[in-house]
Every structure is written in structure tokens, then in C-alpha cells.
Protein backbone atom coordinates (compact mmCIF):
# COMPACT_ATOMS: atom_id res chain seq x y z
CA MET A 1 12.66 10.07 -2.41
CA ASN A 2 13.62 6.47 -3.02
CA LYS A 3 11.41 4.95 -5.74
CA LEU A 4 11.61 1.49 -4.17
CA LEU A 5 10.49 2.85 -0.79
CA ASN A 6 7.71 4.82 -2.47
CA LEU A 7 6.55 1.68 -4.30
CA PHE A 8 6.54 -0.32 -1.06
CA PHE A 9 4.48 2.38 0.65
CA PHE A 10 2.00 2.31 -2.25
CA PHE A 11 1.55 -1.46 -1.92
CA ALA A 12 1.10 -1.13 1.85
CA VAL A 13 -1.70 1.40 1.33
CA GLU A 14 -3.31 -0.78 -1.34
CA SER A 15 -3.26 -3.81 0.99
CA THR A 16 -4.89 -1.77 3.75
CA HIS A 17 -7.64 -0.59 1.41
CA LYS A 18 -8.31 -4.15 0.22
CA GLN A 19 -8.57 -5.43 3.81
CA ASN A 20 -10.94 -2.60 4.70
CA SER A 21 -13.08 -3.45 1.66
CA LYS A 22 -13.41 -7.07 2.83
CA LEU A 23 -14.60 -5.88 6.25
């Protein structure tokens, strides 16, 4: 798997978790 794509996916998940925490 592409490391860059994997890293982007990780950041996307992190952003989602942060937004859920604010709510």
C-alpha cells in the first residue's frame, strides 16, 4: 500500500475523531 495514501487516510480518521469529540 502507498505510504502517502495511508498517511492521508490516518489524518482523515484523526480529523473525524476530533470533530466528533467537539460535538
